[in-house]
Amino acid sequence: MMFTLCIGFVIFAAVMFQQQADSIPQNLEWVAGADVVVSSSDINYPLPRDELSTILDTFTVGAIATSPSLVAYQVVQAYTFMSFPITSFPQVSGSYVGGLASIRARSVVLQAVDDDYLQAASTDYYIVSQLASDVSFPDVPGTGFVDVVAPLNQTFGYMATSGLPDLSGYGSDNKSNTHI
């Protein structure tokens, strides 16, 4: 009886550890958005963007290799950069999205991303529920998904020079879903 119980526990433990080991890559991709994430832990010490771009460009698939031996090491599919969350600044205690009266305002993480963010980030958990009809959205190359990040730079650049368009139809609805 004790022997059977011990064997059962060993099998249970082995299956549990195997499931945990199998789920780690999916959890990392879900939380971080990519297979590999390099980040700075302190806003006072940001990563050197230009130097990292130079290094990553050397190891990007399809890049022109400076020597034939580097071709074997071109394993980077894509990369992108994001800012620290706005709440990392000591002057900002939080960021919220809601109506003017702040009824049902929701706390959000506000970060700046590059135009090519969706080309580098995982699209496995990327879901678009609604699109603005007056904005042209390109496709993310190789995925068939609509890229909602790239047009933001052009849209906000337009807004800064020619006034704000009517965005009253976009935002939170009664179901508290955020739409772009």
Protein backbone atom coordinates (compact mmCIF):
# COMPACT_ATOMS: atom_id res chain seq x y z
CA MET A 1 0.00 0.00 0.00
CA MET A 2 2.74 2.48 0.95
CA PHE A 3 4.76 1.50 -2.11
CA THR A 4 1.77 2.19 -4.40
CA LEU A 5 1.18 5.53 -2.68
CA CYS A 6 4.84 6.52 -3.15
CA ILE A 7 4.81 5.53 -6.83
CA GLY A 8 1.60 7.54 -7.31
CA PHE A 9 3.19 10.59 -5.69
CA VAL A 10 6.33 10.32 -7.84
CA ILE A 11 4.21 10.09 -11.00
CA PHE A 12 2.07 13.05 -9.86
CA ALA A 13 5.15 15.15 -9.07
CA ALA A 14 6.78 14.31 -12.41
CA VAL A 15 3.65 15.25 -14.37
CA MET A 16 3.22 18.47 -12.38
CA PHE A 17 6.82 19.58 -12.95
CA GLN A 18 6.59 18.69 -16.65
CA GLN A 19 3.44 20.80 -17.03
CA GLN A 20 5.11 23.73 -15.27
CA ALA A 21 8.17 23.42 -17.52
CA ASP A 22 5.97 23.30 -20.62
CA SER A 23 3.94 26.35 -19.59
CA ILE A 24 6.87 28.67 -18.80
CA PRO A 25 7.47 29.78 -22.44
CA GLN A 26 3.75 30.47 -22.98
CA ASN A 27 3.50 32.41 -19.70
CA LEU A 28 6.56 34.49 -20.61
CA GLU A 29 5.12 35.24 -24.05
CA TRP A 30 1.74 36.16 -22.54
CA VAL A 31 3.18 38.46 -19.88
CA ALA A 32 6.11 39.97 -21.79
CA GLY A 33 4.82 39.79 -25.36
CA ALA A 34 7.97 38.20 -26.79
CA ASP A 35 10.41 35.33 -26.38
CA VAL A 36 13.16 37.58 -25.07
CA VAL A 37 12.73 40.89 -23.25
CA VAL A 38 15.59 43.12 -22.17
CA SER A 39 14.61 45.89 -19.79
CA SER A 40 16.04 48.42 -17.43
CA SER A 41 14.79 48.22 -13.87
CA ASP A 42 15.31 51.92 -13.15
CA ILE A 43 14.12 54.94 -15.11
CA ASN A 44 17.35 56.73 -14.17
CA TYR A 45 19.35 54.13 -16.13
CA PRO A 46 17.60 53.57 -19.48
CA LEU A 47 18.98 51.11 -21.99
CA PRO A 48 21.30 52.54 -24.66
CA ARG A 49 18.91 52.38 -27.62
CA ASP A 50 21.38 53.30 -30.39
CA GLU A 51 24.02 50.82 -29.25
CA LEU A 52 21.48 48.02 -28.82
CA SER A 53 20.03 48.73 -32.28
CA THR A 54 23.48 48.45 -33.82
CA ILE A 55 24.11 45.10 -32.14
CA LEU A 56 20.64 43.70 -32.88
CA ASP A 57 20.83 44.81 -36.52
CA THR A 58 23.95 42.67 -36.88
CA PHE A 59 22.09 39.57 -35.66
CA THR A 60 18.79 40.20 -37.47
CA VAL A 61 17.78 37.61 -40.06
CA GLY A 62 18.46 38.92 -43.57
CA ALA A 63 20.91 41.61 -42.47
CA ILE A 64 24.07 42.11 -44.50
CA ALA A 65 26.74 40.24 -42.58
CA THR A 66 30.09 41.95 -42.10
CA SER A 67 31.75 38.52 -42.23
CA PRO A 68 30.55 35.12 -43.54
CA SER A 69 30.85 33.58 -40.07
CA LEU A 70 28.15 35.94 -38.68
CA VAL A 71 25.43 34.58 -41.00
CA ALA A 72 24.98 31.55 -38.73
CA TYR A 73 24.27 33.87 -35.80
CA GLN A 74 21.52 35.90 -37.47
CA VAL A 75 18.71 34.64 -35.25
CA VAL A 76 16.82 37.83 -34.36
CA GLN A 77 13.51 37.93 -36.25
CA ALA A 78 12.49 41.44 -35.14
CA TYR A 79 12.95 43.82 -32.24
CA THR A 80 11.33 46.98 -30.96
CA PHE A 81 11.57 49.42 -28.09
CA MET A 82 9.05 50.68 -25.54
CA SER A 83 9.25 53.40 -22.93
CA PHE A 84 8.91 53.06 -19.20
CA PRO A 85 5.31 53.24 -17.98
CA ILE A 86 4.30 56.85 -17.37
CA THR A 87 3.82 56.01 -13.69
CA SER A 88 7.58 55.40 -13.43
CA PHE A 89 8.04 59.16 -13.32
CA PRO A 90 7.84 60.45 -9.74
CA GLN A 91 5.51 63.28 -10.83
CA VAL A 92 2.81 60.86 -12.06
CA SER A 93 0.96 58.77 -9.49
CA GLY A 94 -1.40 57.03 -11.92
CA SER A 95 -3.00 57.08 -15.34
CA TYR A 96 -6.72 56.60 -15.90
CA VAL A 97 -9.12 56.41 -18.83
CA GLY A 98 -12.69 57.59 -18.36
CA GLY A 99 -15.18 60.35 -18.94
CA LEU A 100 -14.70 63.92 -17.80
CA ALA A 101 -16.58 63.23 -14.55
CA SER A 102 -14.23 60.25 -13.92
CA ILE A 103 -17.18 57.96 -13.32
CA ARG A 104 -16.07 54.40 -14.04
CA ALA A 105 -12.52 55.55 -14.78
CA ARG A 106 -10.13 52.65 -15.22
CA SER A 107 -6.48 52.52 -14.31
CA VAL A 108 -4.30 51.89 -17.39
CA VAL A 109 -0.63 51.35 -18.10
CA LEU A 110 0.46 54.05 -20.51
CA GLN A 111 3.66 53.42 -22.47
CA ALA A 112 5.11 54.65 -25.73
CA VAL A 113 5.95 52.03 -28.36
CA ASP A 114 7.69 52.15 -31.74
CA ASP A 115 5.68 51.99 -34.96
CA ASP A 116 6.96 48.46 -35.58
CA TYR A 117 5.86 47.15 -32.17
CA LEU A 118 3.41 44.56 -33.52
CA GLN A 119 6.00 43.25 -35.98
CA ALA A 120 8.19 42.22 -33.04
CA ALA A 121 5.63 41.39 -30.35
CA SER A 122 3.73 38.12 -30.24
CA THR A 123 0.32 38.28 -31.89
CA ASP A 124 -0.97 35.11 -30.20
CA TYR A 125 -2.91 37.17 -27.65
CA TYR A 126 -3.66 40.15 -29.91
CA ILE A 127 -7.39 40.76 -30.34
CA VAL A 128 -8.97 43.78 -32.04
CA SER A 129 -12.66 44.21 -31.27
CA GLN A 130 -13.42 47.43 -33.15
CA LEU A 131 -11.62 49.80 -35.53
CA ALA A 132 -12.14 53.47 -36.31
CA SER A 133 -13.66 53.70 -39.79
CA ASP A 134 -11.92 56.97 -40.65
CA VAL A 135 -8.37 55.69 -40.01
CA SER A 136 -6.43 53.52 -42.48
CA PHE A 137 -4.90 50.49 -40.74
CA PRO A 138 -2.15 48.49 -42.50
CA ASP A 139 -1.58 44.77 -41.96
CA VAL A 140 1.16 43.44 -39.70
CA PRO A 141 3.56 41.80 -42.20
CA GLY A 142 3.33 38.02 -42.26
CA THR A 143 0.44 37.71 -39.78
CA GLY A 144 -2.76 38.84 -41.46
CA PHE A 145 -3.58 41.00 -38.42
CA VAL A 146 -4.49 44.67 -38.62
CA ASP A 147 -1.78 46.94 -37.19
CA VAL A 148 -3.40 49.44 -34.81
CA VAL A 149 -0.08 50.78 -33.50
CA ALA A 150 1.62 52.10 -36.66
CA PRO A 151 -1.15 54.61 -37.58
CA LEU A 152 -1.12 56.16 -34.09
CA ASN A 153 2.04 58.12 -34.81
CA GLN A 154 0.60 59.47 -38.04
CA THR A 155 -2.80 60.19 -36.43
CA PHE A 156 -1.39 62.03 -33.41
CA GLY A 157 1.08 63.89 -35.65
CA TYR A 158 -1.94 65.02 -37.69
CA MET A 159 -3.83 66.01 -34.55
CA ALA A 160 -0.94 68.14 -33.31
CA THR A 161 -0.80 70.15 -36.54
CA SER A 162 -4.45 70.42 -37.55
CA GLY A 163 -6.58 70.16 -34.43
CA LEU A 164 -8.32 67.29 -32.72
CA PRO A 165 -10.71 65.06 -34.69
CA ASP A 166 -13.99 63.97 -33.11
CA LEU A 167 -13.11 60.86 -31.06
CA SER A 168 -16.39 60.74 -29.14
CA GLY A 169 -17.38 57.46 -30.82
CA TYR A 170 -14.25 55.69 -29.61
CA GLY A 171 -13.38 54.65 -26.09
CA SER A 172 -15.19 52.77 -23.35
CA ASP A 173 -18.73 51.60 -23.99
CA ASN A 174 -21.25 50.36 -21.43
CA LYS A 175 -19.47 47.00 -21.29
CA SER A 176 -16.19 48.71 -20.28
CA ASN A 177 -14.33 47.44 -23.35
CA THR A 178 -11.72 49.75 -24.76
CA HIS A 179 -11.82 50.13 -28.53
CA ILE A 180 -9.39 51.65 -30.95
